[in-house]
Amino acid sequence: SVSVISASSEIRYTGYVTGDAQHSNNRRHQRAVGVGASTPQRNEELRGRLKDLQSSSQLSGSELQMLQGVLRSHFLFSRMPTSCLTQICWGMERMTLSIGEPVVEQGQMDAEHFYIVNDGEFQVEVTKAESDGPIPVAKLSTGAAFGEMALLYATTRTATVRCTVPGSGFSLSRAMYLLIIQEGAEEGNQPRAT
């Protein structure tokens, strides 16, 4: 279910809260804590950024269609009204990467972005122990999405995603996501509960 968040609230989030210190590394004794909304000043900054992105966006029709298709098939966005979904697309920022460049790195704390691959290829790598090297576990290409939990929680990245063929993608910040969801709810376009 989605809650309408007061415009006067502040961003508050914590990755995990533990019952006691001795179980802090045991996920069974941890619970995730969600993210609140932004301050009115931050919302104004984000609204300005969204307008800038919309007016200067170089999203082609095919890129917009690809983004909408990816989002529509993703659990986090699948029941979102079309108007909110389109705003999410306009709120995404383009990024270009070269071979070897990481998009996200395993262990990175307080992750804040969700990503969609536009073109190129990316490898997902996991390092199990410090003495081991990275283990490739997946390859991502056009239309692949990753990092969605960062939109909901202050979380630690569990894998590294590295560019293997020069490419581009789009990123969406948690703050922009929350602003668009909040404004959609205020306008009566609240996503339906799943």
N, C-alpha and C. Protein backbone atom coordinates (compact mmCIF):
# COMPACT_ATOMS: atom_id res chain seq x y z
N SER A 1 0.84 -1.17 0.00
CA SER A 1 0.00 0.00 0.00
C SER A 1 0.88 1.23 0.00
N VAL A 2 0.39 2.32 -0.56
CA VAL A 2 1.14 3.55 -0.66
C VAL A 2 0.51 4.57 0.27
N SER A 3 1.31 5.30 1.03
CA SER A 3 0.81 6.32 1.94
C SER A 3 1.03 7.69 1.33
N VAL A 4 0.12 8.61 1.60
CA VAL A 4 0.33 9.99 1.22
C VAL A 4 1.18 10.59 2.33
N ILE A 5 2.22 11.29 1.95
CA ILE A 5 3.18 11.81 2.91
C ILE A 5 3.01 13.32 2.99
N SER A 6 3.02 13.85 4.17
CA SER A 6 2.88 15.28 4.40
C SER A 6 4.01 16.05 3.74
N ALA A 7 3.69 17.18 3.13
CA ALA A 7 4.70 18.00 2.47
C ALA A 7 5.65 18.65 3.46
N SER A 8 5.32 18.64 4.74
CA SER A 8 6.21 19.27 5.73
C SER A 8 7.12 18.26 6.42
N SER A 9 7.08 17.01 6.00
CA SER A 9 7.91 16.01 6.64
C SER A 9 9.34 16.06 6.10
N GLU A 10 10.24 15.35 6.73
CA GLU A 10 11.63 15.30 6.31
C GLU A 10 11.97 13.89 5.88
N ILE A 11 13.05 13.76 5.09
CA ILE A 11 13.50 12.44 4.71
C ILE A 11 14.06 11.76 5.95
N ARG A 12 13.56 10.58 6.23
CA ARG A 12 14.07 9.79 7.35
C ARG A 12 14.15 8.34 6.87
N TYR A 13 15.31 7.75 6.97
CA TYR A 13 15.43 6.37 6.58
C TYR A 13 16.58 5.72 7.32
N THR A 14 16.43 4.43 7.50
CA THR A 14 17.46 3.61 8.11
C THR A 14 17.42 2.27 7.40
N GLY A 15 18.58 1.75 7.08
CA GLY A 15 18.64 0.48 6.36
C GLY A 15 18.02 -0.65 7.15
N TYR A 16 18.56 -0.94 8.30
CA TYR A 16 18.03 -2.02 9.12
C TYR A 16 18.10 -1.61 10.58
N VAL A 17 17.12 -2.01 11.31
CA VAL A 17 17.11 -1.79 12.75
C VAL A 17 17.21 -3.16 13.38
N THR A 18 18.13 -3.32 14.31
CA THR A 18 18.32 -4.64 14.92
C THR A 18 17.70 -4.67 16.30
N GLY A 19 17.27 -5.85 16.68
CA GLY A 19 16.67 -6.05 17.99
C GLY A 19 17.69 -5.85 19.10
N ASP A 20 18.88 -6.34 18.92
CA ASP A 20 19.94 -6.11 19.90
C ASP A 20 21.29 -6.27 19.21
N ALA A 21 22.31 -5.77 19.84
CA ALA A 21 23.64 -5.70 19.23
C ALA A 21 24.22 -7.07 18.90
N GLN A 22 23.94 -8.08 19.71
CA GLN A 22 24.55 -9.39 19.46
C GLN A 22 24.03 -10.05 18.19
N HIS A 23 22.86 -9.63 17.73
CA HIS A 23 22.29 -10.21 16.50
C HIS A 23 22.40 -9.27 15.31
N SER A 24 23.23 -8.24 15.41
CA SER A 24 23.27 -7.21 14.37
C SER A 24 23.67 -7.74 12.99
N ASN A 25 24.40 -8.85 12.93
CA ASN A 25 24.78 -9.41 11.63
C ASN A 25 23.83 -10.50 11.18
N ASN A 26 22.82 -10.77 11.93
CA ASN A 26 21.87 -11.82 11.60
C ASN A 26 20.61 -11.17 11.04
N ARG A 27 20.37 -11.34 9.75
CA ARG A 27 19.23 -10.69 9.09
C ARG A 27 17.88 -11.13 9.65
N ARG A 28 17.80 -12.30 10.25
CA ARG A 28 16.53 -12.73 10.82
C ARG A 28 16.11 -11.83 11.97
N HIS A 29 17.05 -11.14 12.57
CA HIS A 29 16.76 -10.26 13.70
C HIS A 29 16.77 -8.80 13.28
N GLN A 30 16.69 -8.56 11.98
CA GLN A 30 16.68 -7.20 11.48
C GLN A 30 15.40 -6.96 10.72
N ARG A 31 14.97 -5.72 10.68
CA ARG A 31 13.82 -5.38 9.85
C ARG A 31 14.16 -4.13 9.07
N ALA A 32 13.71 -4.08 7.85
CA ALA A 32 13.97 -2.91 7.01
C ALA A 32 13.03 -1.79 7.41
N VAL A 33 13.51 -0.58 7.31
CA VAL A 33 12.71 0.59 7.64
C VAL A 33 12.56 1.41 6.36
N GLY A 34 11.35 1.84 6.06
CA GLY A 34 11.08 2.57 4.83
C GLY A 34 11.57 4.00 4.86
N VAL A 35 11.32 4.69 3.77
CA VAL A 35 11.80 6.05 3.56
C VAL A 35 10.62 6.99 3.62
N GLY A 36 10.79 8.15 4.24
CA GLY A 36 9.76 9.17 4.29
C GLY A 36 9.89 10.14 3.14
N ALA A 37 9.25 11.27 3.25
CA ALA A 37 9.27 12.27 2.18
C ALA A 37 10.33 13.34 2.47
N SER A 38 10.45 14.26 1.56
CA SER A 38 11.44 15.33 1.64
C SER A 38 10.85 16.56 2.30
N THR A 39 11.71 17.53 2.61
CA THR A 39 11.25 18.82 3.14
C THR A 39 10.65 19.64 2.01
N PRO A 40 9.84 20.65 2.33
CA PRO A 40 9.27 21.50 1.27
C PRO A 40 10.35 22.16 0.40
N GLN A 41 11.46 22.59 1.03
CA GLN A 41 12.54 23.22 0.26
C GLN A 41 13.16 22.21 -0.71
N ARG A 42 13.41 21.00 -0.23
CA ARG A 42 13.99 19.96 -1.09
C ARG A 42 13.02 19.62 -2.21
N ASN A 43 11.72 19.56 -1.91
CA ASN A 43 10.72 19.27 -2.94
C ASN A 43 10.76 20.33 -4.04
N GLU A 44 10.91 21.60 -3.66
CA GLU A 44 11.00 22.68 -4.65
C GLU A 44 12.23 22.50 -5.52
N GLU A 45 13.36 22.15 -4.91
CA GLU A 45 14.59 21.88 -5.68
C GLU A 45 14.36 20.75 -6.67
N LEU A 46 13.70 19.68 -6.20
CA LEU A 46 13.45 18.52 -7.06
C LEU A 46 12.46 18.86 -8.17
N ARG A 47 11.44 19.65 -7.86
CA ARG A 47 10.49 20.07 -8.90
C ARG A 47 11.22 20.86 -9.99
N GLY A 48 12.11 21.76 -9.55
CA GLY A 48 12.92 22.52 -10.51
C GLY A 48 13.78 21.62 -11.36
N ARG A 49 14.41 20.62 -10.72
CA ARG A 49 15.26 19.67 -11.44
C ARG A 49 14.43 18.87 -12.45
N LEU A 50 13.23 18.45 -12.03
CA LEU A 50 12.35 17.70 -12.93
C LEU A 50 11.96 18.55 -14.14
N LYS A 51 11.64 19.82 -13.92
CA LYS A 51 11.30 20.72 -15.03
C LYS A 51 12.49 20.89 -15.96
N ASP A 52 13.69 21.03 -15.36
CA ASP A 52 14.90 21.15 -16.18
C ASP A 52 15.11 19.90 -17.02
N LEU A 53 14.93 18.74 -16.41
CA LEU A 53 15.10 17.48 -17.14
C LEU A 53 14.08 17.37 -18.26
N GLN A 54 12.84 17.76 -17.99
CA GLN A 54 11.80 17.67 -19.01
C GLN A 54 12.07 18.62 -20.17
N SER A 55 12.52 19.85 -19.86
CA SER A 55 12.73 20.82 -20.93
C SER A 55 14.01 20.56 -21.72
N SER A 56 15.01 19.97 -21.07
CA SER A 56 16.28 19.73 -21.77
C SER A 56 16.48 18.28 -22.16
N SER A 57 15.49 17.46 -21.86
CA SER A 57 15.66 16.03 -22.10
C SER A 57 15.87 15.73 -23.57
N GLN A 58 16.76 14.80 -23.78
CA GLN A 58 16.99 14.35 -25.13
C GLN A 58 16.52 12.92 -25.27
N LEU A 59 15.47 12.58 -24.50
CA LEU A 59 14.88 11.25 -24.64
C LEU A 59 14.23 11.16 -26.01
N SER A 60 14.62 10.16 -26.75
CA SER A 60 13.97 9.93 -28.04
C SER A 60 12.65 9.21 -27.78
N GLY A 61 11.80 9.20 -28.78
CA GLY A 61 10.53 8.48 -28.65
C GLY A 61 10.74 7.01 -28.34
N SER A 62 11.76 6.40 -28.97
CA SER A 62 12.01 4.98 -28.72
C SER A 62 12.56 4.74 -27.32
N GLU A 63 13.38 5.69 -26.82
CA GLU A 63 13.89 5.55 -25.45
C GLU A 63 12.76 5.68 -24.44
N LEU A 64 11.88 6.65 -24.64
CA LEU A 64 10.74 6.83 -23.75
C LEU A 64 9.86 5.58 -23.76
N GLN A 65 9.64 5.03 -24.93
CA GLN A 65 8.83 3.82 -25.05
C GLN A 65 9.51 2.64 -24.35
N MET A 66 10.82 2.51 -24.51
CA MET A 66 11.57 1.44 -23.85
C MET A 66 11.48 1.59 -22.34
N LEU A 67 11.71 2.81 -21.83
CA LEU A 67 11.64 3.05 -20.39
C LEU A 67 10.26 2.72 -19.84
N GLN A 68 9.23 3.18 -20.52
CA GLN A 68 7.86 2.90 -20.07
C GLN A 68 7.58 1.40 -20.06
N GLY A 69 8.06 0.69 -21.07
CA GLY A 69 7.86 -0.76 -21.12
C GLY A 69 8.56 -1.48 -19.99
N VAL A 70 9.81 -1.09 -19.73
CA VAL A 70 10.57 -1.71 -18.63
C VAL A 70 9.88 -1.43 -17.30
N LEU A 71 9.52 -0.17 -17.08
CA LEU A 71 8.87 0.19 -15.82
C LEU A 71 7.52 -0.51 -15.66
N ARG A 72 6.76 -0.56 -16.73
CA ARG A 72 5.43 -1.19 -16.67
C ARG A 72 5.53 -2.67 -16.28
N SER A 73 6.63 -3.33 -16.65
CA SER A 73 6.77 -4.76 -16.34
C SER A 73 7.48 -5.00 -15.01
N HIS A 74 7.90 -3.94 -14.34
CA HIS A 74 8.63 -4.06 -13.07
C HIS A 74 7.65 -3.99 -11.90
N PHE A 75 7.81 -4.85 -10.91
CA PHE A 75 6.87 -4.93 -9.79
C PHE A 75 6.67 -3.60 -9.07
N LEU A 76 7.66 -2.78 -9.00
CA LEU A 76 7.58 -1.53 -8.26
C LEU A 76 6.73 -0.48 -8.99
N PHE A 77 6.64 -0.60 -10.30
CA PHE A 77 5.96 0.41 -11.11
C PHE A 77 4.73 -0.12 -11.85
N SER A 78 4.51 -1.42 -11.82
CA SER A 78 3.51 -2.05 -12.68
C SER A 78 2.08 -1.55 -12.50
N ARG A 79 1.72 -1.11 -11.32
CA ARG A 79 0.35 -0.64 -11.08
C ARG A 79 0.26 0.88 -10.99
N MET A 80 1.32 1.54 -11.40
CA MET A 80 1.38 2.99 -11.34
C MET A 80 0.59 3.60 -12.50
N PRO A 81 -0.17 4.66 -12.25
CA PRO A 81 -0.89 5.32 -13.35
C PRO A 81 0.08 5.81 -14.43
N THR A 82 -0.37 5.85 -15.64
CA THR A 82 0.46 6.25 -16.77
C THR A 82 1.08 7.63 -16.57
N SER A 83 0.32 8.56 -16.00
CA SER A 83 0.86 9.91 -15.79
C SER A 83 2.07 9.88 -14.85
N CYS A 84 2.02 9.09 -13.78
CA CYS A 84 3.17 8.97 -12.87
C CYS A 84 4.32 8.26 -13.56
N LEU A 85 4.01 7.23 -14.31
CA LEU A 85 5.04 6.47 -15.02
C LEU A 85 5.81 7.37 -16.00
N THR A 86 5.07 8.22 -16.70
CA THR A 86 5.71 9.14 -17.63
C THR A 86 6.58 10.14 -16.89
N GLN A 87 6.10 10.64 -15.75
CA GLN A 87 6.91 11.55 -14.93
C GLN A 87 8.19 10.86 -14.46
N ILE A 88 8.09 9.59 -14.08
CA ILE A 88 9.27 8.83 -13.66
C ILE A 88 10.29 8.81 -14.80
N CYS A 89 9.83 8.55 -16.01
CA CYS A 89 10.74 8.52 -17.17
C CYS A 89 11.43 9.86 -17.35
N TRP A 90 10.67 10.95 -17.26
CA TRP A 90 11.26 12.28 -17.42
C TRP A 90 12.19 12.63 -16.26
N GLY A 91 11.99 12.00 -15.11
CA GLY A 91 12.83 12.26 -13.95
C GLY A 91 14.12 11.47 -13.93
N MET A 92 14.31 10.60 -14.92
CA MET A 92 15.53 9.80 -14.99
C MET A 92 16.64 10.60 -15.67
N GLU A 93 17.85 10.36 -15.22
CA GLU A 93 19.01 11.05 -15.81
C GLU A 93 19.84 10.07 -16.61
N ARG A 94 20.30 10.54 -17.76
CA ARG A 94 21.12 9.72 -18.66
C ARG A 94 22.53 9.59 -18.10
N MET A 95 23.13 8.44 -18.29
CA MET A 95 24.52 8.22 -17.90
C MET A 95 25.19 7.43 -19.02
N THR A 96 26.47 7.72 -19.25
CA THR A 96 27.26 7.02 -20.25
C THR A 96 28.44 6.39 -19.55
N LEU A 97 28.72 5.12 -19.87
CA LEU A 97 29.80 4.41 -19.19
C LEU A 97 30.74 3.77 -20.20
N SER A 98 32.00 3.64 -19.78
CA SER A 98 33.01 2.99 -20.61
C SER A 98 33.41 1.66 -19.98
N ILE A 99 34.13 0.86 -20.74
CA ILE A 99 34.52 -0.48 -20.30
C ILE A 99 35.24 -0.42 -18.95
N GLY A 100 34.81 -1.30 -18.06
CA GLY A 100 35.42 -1.42 -16.74
C GLY A 100 34.83 -0.50 -15.69
N GLU A 101 34.07 0.48 -16.10
CA GLU A 101 33.51 1.45 -15.16
C GLU A 101 32.35 0.83 -14.38
N PRO A 102 32.38 0.94 -13.05
CA PRO A 102 31.27 0.38 -12.27
C PRO A 102 30.09 1.36 -12.21
N VAL A 103 28.88 0.81 -12.27
CA VAL A 103 27.67 1.60 -12.07
C VAL A 103 27.41 1.65 -10.57
N VAL A 104 27.46 0.48 -9.94
CA VAL A 104 27.34 0.35 -8.48
C VAL A 104 28.41 -0.62 -8.03
N GLU A 105 28.80 -0.51 -6.75
CA GLU A 105 29.82 -1.41 -6.22
C GLU A 105 29.31 -2.11 -4.97
N GLN A 106 29.59 -3.40 -4.90
CA GLN A 106 29.20 -4.20 -3.75
C GLN A 106 29.72 -3.55 -2.47
N GLY A 107 28.87 -3.48 -1.46
CA GLY A 107 29.25 -2.90 -0.18
C GLY A 107 28.98 -1.41 -0.08
N GLN A 108 28.65 -0.77 -1.21
CA GLN A 108 28.34 0.66 -1.21
C GLN A 108 27.14 0.88 -0.28
N MET A 109 27.30 1.78 0.68
CA MET A 109 26.26 2.01 1.68
C MET A 109 25.31 3.12 1.23
N ASP A 110 24.11 3.09 1.79
CA ASP A 110 23.09 4.11 1.52
C ASP A 110 22.84 4.33 0.03
N ALA A 111 22.64 3.23 -0.68
CA ALA A 111 22.35 3.31 -2.11
C ALA A 111 21.10 4.16 -2.32
N GLU A 112 21.11 4.99 -3.36
CA GLU A 112 20.00 5.91 -3.59
C GLU A 112 19.46 5.91 -5.02
N HIS A 113 19.99 5.06 -5.91
CA HIS A 113 19.56 5.12 -7.31
C HIS A 113 19.12 3.75 -7.85
N PHE A 114 18.18 3.83 -8.77
CA PHE A 114 17.66 2.71 -9.55
C PHE A 114 18.14 2.95 -10.98
N TYR A 115 18.44 1.86 -11.70
CA TYR A 115 19.04 1.99 -13.03
C TYR A 115 18.31 1.14 -14.07
N ILE A 116 18.30 1.65 -15.31
CA ILE A 116 17.82 0.89 -16.47
C ILE A 116 18.89 1.00 -17.55
N VAL A 117 19.26 -0.14 -18.13
CA VAL A 117 20.27 -0.18 -19.19
C VAL A 117 19.60 0.22 -20.51
N ASN A 118 20.22 1.17 -21.20
CA ASN A 118 19.74 1.59 -22.52
C ASN A 118 20.45 0.81 -23.62
N ASP A 119 21.77 0.77 -23.57
CA ASP A 119 22.54 -0.01 -24.53
C ASP A 119 23.87 -0.39 -23.91
N GLY A 120 24.62 -1.23 -24.61
CA GLY A 120 25.87 -1.75 -24.07
C GLY A 120 25.61 -3.02 -23.26
N GLU A 121 26.64 -3.51 -22.61
CA GLU A 121 26.51 -4.70 -21.76
C GLU A 121 27.16 -4.44 -20.42
N PHE A 122 26.56 -5.04 -19.40
CA PHE A 122 27.02 -4.86 -18.04
C PHE A 122 27.08 -6.22 -17.35
N GLN A 123 28.08 -6.41 -16.53
CA GLN A 123 28.25 -7.68 -15.81
C GLN A 123 27.97 -7.46 -14.33
N VAL A 124 27.21 -8.38 -13.75
CA VAL A 124 26.94 -8.36 -12.32
C VAL A 124 27.95 -9.28 -11.67
N GLU A 125 28.68 -8.77 -10.67
CA GLU A 125 29.73 -9.53 -9.99
C GLU A 125 29.48 -9.52 -8.49
N VAL A 126 29.75 -10.66 -7.87
CA VAL A 126 29.62 -10.78 -6.42
C VAL A 126 30.94 -11.31 -5.86
N THR A 127 31.41 -10.69 -4.80
CA THR A 127 32.60 -11.17 -4.11
C THR A 127 32.13 -11.77 -2.79
N LYS A 128 32.37 -13.07 -2.62
CA LYS A 128 31.90 -13.77 -1.42
C LYS A 128 32.79 -13.53 -0.21
N ALA A 129 34.09 -13.53 -0.42
CA ALA A 129 35.05 -13.29 0.67
C ALA A 129 36.13 -12.36 0.15
N GLU A 130 36.75 -11.62 1.05
CA GLU A 130 37.77 -10.65 0.63
C GLU A 130 38.91 -11.30 -0.14
N SER A 131 39.22 -12.55 0.19
CA SER A 131 40.33 -13.23 -0.49
C SER A 131 39.95 -13.71 -1.89
N ASP A 132 38.67 -13.83 -2.15
CA ASP A 132 38.20 -14.27 -3.46
C ASP A 132 38.06 -13.08 -4.39
N GLY A 133 38.20 -13.33 -5.66
CA GLY A 133 37.95 -12.28 -6.64
C GLY A 133 36.47 -12.22 -6.95
N PRO A 134 36.06 -11.25 -7.73
CA PRO A 134 34.65 -11.15 -8.09
C PRO A 134 34.20 -12.32 -8.95
N ILE A 135 33.00 -12.80 -8.69
CA ILE A 135 32.42 -13.90 -9.45
C ILE A 135 31.31 -13.34 -10.33
N PRO A 136 31.42 -13.49 -11.66
CA PRO A 136 30.34 -13.01 -12.54
C PRO A 136 29.09 -13.87 -12.32
N VAL A 137 27.95 -13.23 -12.10
CA VAL A 137 26.72 -13.98 -11.85
C VAL A 137 25.62 -13.68 -12.88
N ALA A 138 25.75 -12.58 -13.62
CA ALA A 138 24.73 -12.26 -14.63
C ALA A 138 25.28 -11.22 -15.60
N LYS A 139 24.67 -11.17 -16.79
CA LYS A 139 24.96 -10.13 -17.78
C LYS A 139 23.67 -9.37 -18.03
N LEU A 140 23.81 -8.07 -18.13
CA LEU A 140 22.65 -7.21 -18.35
C LEU A 140 22.82 -6.46 -19.67
N SER A 141 21.72 -6.30 -20.38
CA SER A 141 21.74 -5.55 -21.63
C SER A 141 20.48 -4.69 -21.71
N THR A 142 20.20 -4.16 -22.88
CA THR A 142 19.08 -3.23 -23.08
C THR A 142 17.82 -3.69 -22.38
N GLY A 143 17.26 -2.79 -21.57
CA GLY A 143 16.00 -3.06 -20.88
C GLY A 143 16.15 -3.68 -19.50
N ALA A 144 17.35 -4.05 -19.12
CA ALA A 144 17.56 -4.62 -17.78
C ALA A 144 17.46 -3.51 -16.74
N ALA A 145 16.88 -3.83 -15.60
CA ALA A 145 16.74 -2.87 -14.51
C ALA A 145 17.36 -3.46 -13.25
N PHE A 146 17.96 -2.60 -12.43
CA PHE A 146 18.55 -3.07 -11.18
C PHE A 146 18.64 -1.92 -10.18
N GLY A 147 18.74 -2.28 -8.91
CA GLY A 147 18.89 -1.29 -7.86
C GLY A 147 17.60 -0.74 -7.31
N GLU A 148 16.48 -1.40 -7.58
CA GLU A 148 15.17 -0.87 -7.18
C GLU A 148 14.98 -0.73 -5.67
N MET A 149 15.64 -1.58 -4.90
CA MET A 149 15.45 -1.50 -3.45
C MET A 149 15.98 -0.17 -2.89
N ALA A 150 16.90 0.47 -3.59
CA ALA A 150 17.43 1.76 -3.15
C ALA A 150 16.36 2.85 -3.19
N LEU A 151 15.30 2.64 -3.98
CA LEU A 151 14.21 3.61 -4.00
C LEU A 151 13.37 3.53 -2.73
N LEU A 152 13.40 2.37 -2.09
CA LEU A 152 12.56 2.15 -0.93
C LEU A 152 13.29 2.22 0.40
N TYR A 153 14.54 1.80 0.40
CA TYR A 153 15.30 1.68 1.65
C TYR A 153 16.72 2.20 1.48
N ALA A 154 17.28 2.66 2.58
CA ALA A 154 18.71 2.95 2.61
C ALA A 154 19.37 1.59 2.77
N THR A 155 19.91 1.09 1.71
CA THR A 155 20.40 -0.28 1.70
C THR A 155 21.85 -0.33 1.23
N THR A 156 22.51 -1.43 1.46
CA THR A 156 23.88 -1.64 1.01
C THR A 156 23.83 -2.47 -0.26
N ARG A 157 24.59 -2.08 -1.25
CA ARG A 157 24.62 -2.82 -2.52
C ARG A 157 25.19 -4.22 -2.29
N THR A 158 24.54 -5.22 -2.87
CA THR A 158 24.94 -6.61 -2.68
C THR A 158 25.76 -7.16 -3.83
N ALA A 159 25.97 -6.35 -4.85
CA ALA A 159 26.76 -6.78 -6.01
C ALA A 159 27.36 -5.56 -6.69
N THR A 160 28.36 -5.82 -7.52
CA THR A 160 28.94 -4.78 -8.36
C THR A 160 28.37 -4.97 -9.75
N VAL A 161 27.98 -3.89 -10.40
CA VAL A 161 27.54 -3.93 -11.79
C VAL A 161 28.54 -3.07 -12.56
N ARG A 162 29.24 -3.74 -13.51
CA ARG A 162 30.34 -3.10 -14.22
C ARG A 162 30.08 -3.15 -15.73
N CYS A 163 30.42 -2.06 -16.42
CA CYS A 163 30.27 -1.98 -17.86
C CYS A 163 31.30 -2.88 -18.55
N THR A 164 30.85 -3.74 -19.47
CA THR A 164 31.76 -4.61 -20.22
C THR A 164 31.80 -4.25 -21.70
N VAL A 165 30.76 -3.61 -22.20
CA VAL A 165 30.71 -3.07 -23.56
C VAL A 165 30.21 -1.64 -23.41
N PRO A 166 30.92 -0.64 -23.95
CA PRO A 166 30.51 0.75 -23.73
C PRO A 166 29.01 0.91 -23.94
N GLY A 167 28.39 1.64 -23.03
CA GLY A 167 26.96 1.77 -23.11
C GLY A 167 26.42 2.96 -22.33
N SER A 168 25.11 3.00 -22.29
CA SER A 168 24.44 4.07 -21.57
C SER A 168 23.24 3.51 -20.83
N GLY A 169 22.75 4.31 -19.94
CA GLY A 169 21.59 3.91 -19.17
C GLY A 169 20.93 5.12 -18.56
N PHE A 170 19.99 4.86 -17.69
CA PHE A 170 19.25 5.91 -17.02
C PHE A 170 19.21 5.61 -15.54
N SER A 171 19.29 6.66 -14.72
CA SER A 171 19.20 6.48 -13.28
C SER A 171 18.07 7.33 -12.72
N LEU A 172 17.47 6.83 -11.66
CA LEU A 172 16.40 7.53 -10.97
C LEU A 172 16.77 7.59 -9.50
N SER A 173 16.80 8.79 -8.93
CA SER A 173 17.14 8.93 -7.52
C SER A 173 15.93 8.64 -6.64
N ARG A 174 16.20 8.23 -5.41
CA ARG A 174 15.13 7.98 -4.44
C ARG A 174 14.32 9.25 -4.21
N ALA A 175 14.99 10.39 -4.07
CA ALA A 175 14.30 11.65 -3.81
C ALA A 175 13.33 12.00 -4.94
N MET A 176 13.77 11.83 -6.20
CA MET A 176 12.90 12.12 -7.35
C MET A 176 11.72 11.16 -7.38
N TYR A 177 11.99 9.88 -7.13
CA TYR A 177 10.93 8.87 -7.10
C TYR A 177 9.87 9.25 -6.05
N LEU A 178 10.31 9.59 -4.84
CA LEU A 178 9.37 9.93 -3.77
C LEU A 178 8.58 11.18 -4.09
N LEU A 179 9.22 12.17 -4.69
CA LEU A 179 8.51 13.40 -5.07
C LEU A 179 7.41 13.08 -6.08
N ILE A 180 7.72 12.30 -7.09
CA ILE A 180 6.74 11.98 -8.13
C ILE A 180 5.59 11.16 -7.55
N ILE A 181 5.91 10.21 -6.69
CA ILE A 181 4.85 9.40 -6.04
C ILE A 181 3.98 10.30 -5.17
N GLN A 182 4.60 11.17 -4.40
CA GLN A 182 3.88 12.08 -3.51
C GLN A 182 2.96 13.00 -4.30
N GLU A 183 3.50 13.60 -5.37
CA GLU A 183 2.68 14.51 -6.16
C GLU A 183 1.56 13.78 -6.89
N GLY A 184 1.84 12.55 -7.33
CA GLY A 184 0.79 11.75 -7.96
C GLY A 184 -0.35 11.47 -7.00
N ALA A 185 -0.01 11.18 -5.75
CA ALA A 185 -1.02 10.91 -4.73
C ALA A 185 -1.82 12.17 -4.42
N GLU A 186 -1.13 13.30 -4.35
CA GLU A 186 -1.81 14.56 -4.06
C GLU A 186 -2.76 14.97 -5.19
N GLU A 187 -2.42 14.57 -6.42
CA GLU A 187 -3.26 14.90 -7.57
C GLU A 187 -4.35 13.86 -7.81
N GLY A 188 -4.43 12.88 -6.94
CA GLY A 188 -5.45 11.85 -7.10
C GLY A 188 -5.03 10.72 -8.02
N ASN A 189 -3.75 10.67 -8.38
CA ASN A 189 -3.24 9.61 -9.24
C ASN A 189 -2.48 8.58 -8.43
N GLN A 190 -2.93 8.35 -7.21
CA GLN A 190 -2.22 7.47 -6.32
C GLN A 190 -2.15 6.05 -6.91
N PRO A 191 -0.97 5.45 -6.91
CA PRO A 191 -0.86 4.08 -7.39
C PRO A 191 -1.78 3.18 -6.58
N ARG A 192 -2.35 2.19 -7.24
CA ARG A 192 -3.23 1.25 -6.57
C ARG A 192 -2.41 0.31 -5.71
N ALA A 193 -2.95 -0.05 -4.58
CA ALA A 193 -2.25 -1.00 -3.69
C ALA A 193 -2.17 -2.35 -4.37
N THR A 194 -1.07 -3.05 -4.14
CA THR A 194 -0.91 -4.38 -4.76
C THR A 194 -1.30 -5.46 -3.80
